C-alpha atoms as a PDB file:
ATOM      1  CA  MET A   1      49.305 -10.669  38.548  1.00  0.00           C
ATOM      2  CA  PRO A   2      48.812  -8.974  35.159  1.00  0.00           C
ATOM      3  CA  ASP A   3      50.015  -5.407  34.825  1.00  0.00           C
ATOM      4  CA  PHE A   4      47.627  -3.500  32.556  1.00  0.00           C
ATOM      5  CA  ILE A   5      48.296  -0.126  30.967  1.00  0.00           C
ATOM      6  CA  ARG A   6      45.613   2.028  29.352  1.00  0.00           C
ATOM      7  CA  VAL A   7      46.722   3.104  25.891  1.00  0.00           C
ATOM      8  CA  PRO A   8      45.481   6.565  24.859  1.00  0.00           C
ATOM      9  CA  ILE A   9      44.249   6.116  21.305  1.00  0.00           C
ATOM     10  CA  ASP A  10      45.314   9.636  20.348  1.00  0.00           C
ATOM     11  CA  ARG A  11      48.937   8.557  20.928  1.00  0.00           C
ATOM     12  CA  LEU A  12      48.697   5.892  18.212  1.00  0.00           C
ATOM     13  CA  ASP A  13      49.356   6.447  14.544  1.00  0.00           C
ATOM     14  CA  GLY A  14      46.086   6.261  12.571  1.00  0.00           C
ATOM     15  CA  ASP A  15      47.260   3.294  10.503  1.00  0.00           C
ATOM     16  CA  THR A  16      48.321   1.431  13.642  1.00  0.00           C
ATOM     17  CA  LEU A  17      44.972   2.015  15.316  1.00  0.00           C
ATOM     18  CA  SER A  18      43.125   0.912  12.189  1.00  0.00           C
ATOM     19  CA  ALA A  19      45.183  -2.283  12.043  1.00  0.00           C
ATOM     20  CA  LEU A  20      44.466  -3.020  15.717  1.00  0.00           C
ATOM     21  CA  LEU A  21      40.742  -2.465  15.212  1.00  0.00           C
ATOM     22  CA  GLU A  22      40.685  -4.662  12.106  1.00  0.00           C
ATOM     23  CA  GLU A  23      42.529  -7.423  13.936  1.00  0.00           C
ATOM     24  CA  PHE A  24      40.127  -7.241  16.886  1.00  0.00           C
ATOM     25  CA  ALA A  25      37.033  -7.141  14.646  1.00  0.00           C
ATOM     26  CA  SER A  26      38.182 -10.234  12.782  1.00  0.00           C
ATOM     27  CA  ARG A  27      39.132 -12.343  15.815  1.00  0.00           C
ATOM     28  CA  ASP A  28      37.521 -15.757  16.121  1.00  0.00           C
ATOM     29  CA  GLY A  29      34.558 -15.633  18.457  1.00  0.00           C
ATOM     30  CA  THR A  30      33.798 -11.967  17.854  1.00  0.00           C
ATOM     31  CA  ASP A  31      30.018 -11.927  17.518  1.00  0.00           C
ATOM     32  CA  TYR A  32      28.120  -9.031  15.984  1.00  0.00           C
ATOM     33  CA  GLY A  33      24.642 -10.519  15.952  1.00  0.00           C
ATOM     34  CA  GLU A  34      22.533 -12.780  13.792  1.00  0.00           C
ATOM     35  CA  SER A  35      23.638 -11.395  10.427  1.00  0.00           C
ATOM     36  CA  GLU A  36      27.166 -10.998   9.100  1.00  0.00           C
ATOM     37  CA  THR A  37      28.429  -7.427   9.445  1.00  0.00           C
ATOM     38  CA  PRO A  38      31.078  -6.176   6.988  1.00  0.00           C
ATOM     39  CA  LEU A  39      34.551  -5.689   8.478  1.00  0.00           C
ATOM     40  CA  ASP A  40      34.653  -1.958   7.747  1.00  0.00           C
ATOM     41  CA  GLN A  41      31.359  -1.489   9.593  1.00  0.00           C
ATOM     42  CA  ARG A  42      32.632  -3.480  12.609  1.00  0.00           C
ATOM     43  CA  VAL A  43      35.813  -1.377  12.652  1.00  0.00           C
ATOM     44  CA  SER A  44      33.721   1.802  12.484  1.00  0.00           C
ATOM     45  CA  GLN A  45      31.583   0.613  15.411  1.00  0.00           C
ATOM     46  CA  LEU A  46      34.696  -0.156  17.463  1.00  0.00           C
ATOM     47  CA  ARG A  47      36.199   3.241  16.655  1.00  0.00           C
ATOM     48  CA  HIS A  48      32.987   4.949  17.788  1.00  0.00           C
ATOM     49  CA  GLN A  49      33.041   2.948  21.046  1.00  0.00           C
ATOM     50  CA  LEU A  50      36.671   3.941  21.635  1.00  0.00           C
ATOM     51  CA  ASP A  51      35.975   7.604  20.859  1.00  0.00           C
ATOM     52  CA  SER A  52      32.978   7.654  23.215  1.00  0.00           C
ATOM     53  CA  GLY A  53      34.879   5.875  25.995  1.00  0.00           C
ATOM     54  CA  GLU A  54      32.590   2.824  26.006  1.00  0.00           C
ATOM     55  CA  VAL A  55      35.634   0.624  25.444  1.00  0.00           C
ATOM     56  CA  GLN A  56      39.275   1.081  26.371  1.00  0.00           C
ATOM     57  CA  LEU A  57      42.463  -0.182  24.769  1.00  0.00           C
ATOM     58  CA  LEU A  58      44.586  -1.979  27.364  1.00  0.00           C
ATOM     59  CA  PHE A  59      48.082  -3.416  27.029  1.00  0.00           C
ATOM     60  CA  GLU A  60      49.236  -6.198  29.331  1.00  0.00           C
ATOM     61  CA  ALA A  61      52.969  -5.646  29.648  1.00  0.00           C
ATOM     62  CA  SER A  62      54.201  -8.988  30.980  1.00  0.00           C
ATOM     63  CA  GLU A  63      52.452 -10.952  28.204  1.00  0.00           C
ATOM     64  CA  GLU A  64      52.926  -8.234  25.560  1.00  0.00           C
ATOM     65  CA  ARG A  65      49.304  -8.480  24.444  1.00  0.00           C
ATOM     66  CA  TRP A  66      46.493  -5.992  24.035  1.00  0.00           C
ATOM     67  CA  ASP A  67      42.717  -6.074  24.183  1.00  0.00           C
ATOM     68  CA  LEU A  68      39.655  -3.879  23.912  1.00  0.00           C
ATOM     69  CA  VAL A  69      37.523  -4.065  27.047  1.00  0.00           C
ATOM     70  CA  SER A  70      34.490  -2.246  28.385  1.00  0.00           C
ATOM     71  CA  ARG A  71      35.114   0.878  30.454  1.00  0.00           C
ATOM     72  CA  GLN A  72      33.908  -0.940  33.592  1.00  0.00           C
ATOM     73  CA  ASP A  73      36.194  -3.919  32.996  1.00  0.00           C
ATOM     74  CA  ALA A  74      39.116  -1.591  32.284  1.00  0.00           C
ATOM     75  CA  GLU A  75      38.606   0.275  35.550  1.00  0.00           C
ATOM     76  CA  ALA A  76      38.478  -3.014  37.458  1.00  0.00           C
ATOM     77  CA  LEU A  77      41.623  -4.350  35.759  1.00  0.00           C
ATOM     78  CA  LEU A  78      43.522  -1.099  36.258  1.00  0.00           C
ATOM     79  CA  SER A  79      42.669  -0.932  39.948  1.00  0.00           C
ATOM     80  CA  LEU A  80      43.722  -4.493  40.832  1.00  0.00           C
ATOM     81  CA  PRO A  81      45.971  -4.471  43.908  1.00  0.00           C
ATOM     82  CA  GLU A  82      49.576  -5.467  43.329  1.00  0.00           C
ATOM     83  CA  ASP A  83      50.920  -8.680  44.872  1.00  0.00           C
ATOM     84  CA  GLU A  84      52.342  -8.127  48.309  1.00  0.00           C
END
Protein backbone atom coordinates (compact mmCIF):
# COMPACT_ATOMS: atom_id res chain seq x y z
CA MET A 1 0.00 0.00 0.00
CA PRO A 2 1.41 3.44 -0.90
CA ASP A 3 2.70 5.57 1.94
CA PHE A 4 1.91 9.22 1.21
CA ILE A 5 3.40 12.21 2.99
CA ARG A 6 2.03 15.74 2.72
CA VAL A 7 4.82 18.16 1.87
CA PRO A 8 4.40 21.64 3.39
CA ILE A 9 5.21 24.02 0.57
CA ASP A 10 6.71 26.56 2.96
CA ARG A 11 9.46 24.02 3.74
CA LEU A 12 10.62 23.99 0.11
CA ASP A 13 13.12 26.36 -1.41
CA GLY A 14 11.38 28.77 -3.81
CA ASP A 15 13.39 27.57 -6.80
CA THR A 16 12.59 23.95 -5.98
CA LEU A 17 8.88 24.66 -5.71
CA SER A 18 8.92 26.59 -8.98
CA ALA A 19 10.67 23.69 -10.72
CA LEU A 20 8.11 21.21 -9.36
CA LEU A 21 5.22 23.40 -10.51
CA GLU A 22 6.75 23.85 -13.96
CA GLU A 23 7.28 20.12 -14.30
CA PHE A 24 3.69 19.39 -13.26
CA ALA A 25 2.25 22.08 -15.55
CA SER A 26 4.13 20.68 -18.52
CA ARG A 27 3.28 17.00 -17.98
CA ASP A 28 1.66 15.15 -20.86
CA GLY A 29 -2.08 14.99 -20.41
CA THR A 30 -2.31 18.14 -18.33
CA ASP A 31 -5.35 19.90 -19.78
CA TYR A 32 -6.08 23.57 -19.19
CA GLY A 33 -9.06 23.99 -21.48
CA GLU A 34 -9.77 24.64 -25.13
CA SER A 35 -7.02 27.21 -25.70
CA GLU A 36 -3.32 26.87 -24.98
CA THR A 37 -2.33 28.57 -21.72
CA PRO A 38 1.24 29.86 -21.34
CA LEU A 39 3.42 27.87 -18.93
CA ASP A 40 3.99 30.80 -16.57
CA GLN A 41 0.23 31.31 -16.26
CA ARG A 42 -0.33 27.59 -15.54
CA VAL A 43 2.41 27.70 -12.88
CA SER A 44 0.80 30.80 -11.35
CA GLN A 45 -2.59 29.05 -11.24
CA LEU A 46 -1.04 26.01 -9.55
CA ARG A 47 0.75 28.19 -7.01
CA HIS A 48 -2.53 29.94 -6.18
CA GLN A 49 -4.26 26.56 -5.73
CA LEU A 50 -1.46 25.40 -3.42
CA ASP A 51 -1.55 28.64 -1.41
CA SER A 52 -5.33 28.43 -1.02
CA GLY A 53 -5.23 24.74 -0.05
CA GLU A 54 -7.25 23.59 -3.07
CA VAL A 55 -4.43 21.23 -3.99
CA GLN A 56 -1.81 19.50 -1.87
CA LEU A 57 1.71 18.35 -2.66
CA LEU A 58 2.10 14.68 -1.74
CA PHE A 59 5.21 12.51 -1.81
CA GLU A 60 4.91 8.74 -2.12
CA ALA A 61 7.93 7.41 -0.26
CA SER A 62 8.19 3.84 -1.52
CA GLU A 63 8.11 4.93 -5.19
CA GLU A 64 9.98 8.20 -4.57
CA ARG A 65 7.48 10.19 -6.63
CA TRP A 66 5.37 13.25 -5.99
CA ASP A 67 2.08 14.63 -7.25
CA LEU A 68 -0.32 17.51 -6.83
CA VAL A 69 -3.79 16.31 -5.86
CA SER A 70 -7.02 17.93 -4.77
CA ARG A 71 -7.50 18.52 -1.05
CA GLN A 72 -10.22 15.84 -0.96
CA ASP A 73 -8.04 13.27 -2.73
CA ALA A 74 -5.13 14.11 -0.44
CA GLU A 75 -7.23 13.56 2.67
CA ALA A 76 -8.43 10.21 1.32
CA LEU A 77 -4.90 9.09 0.41
CA LEU A 78 -3.46 10.21 3.75
CA SER A 79 -6.13 8.39 5.74
CA LEU A 80 -5.79 5.01 3.99
CA PRO A 81 -5.50 2.22 6.57
CA GLU A 82 -2.15 0.46 6.72
CA ASP A 83 -1.91 -3.21 5.71
CA GLU A 84 -2.49 -5.53 8.61
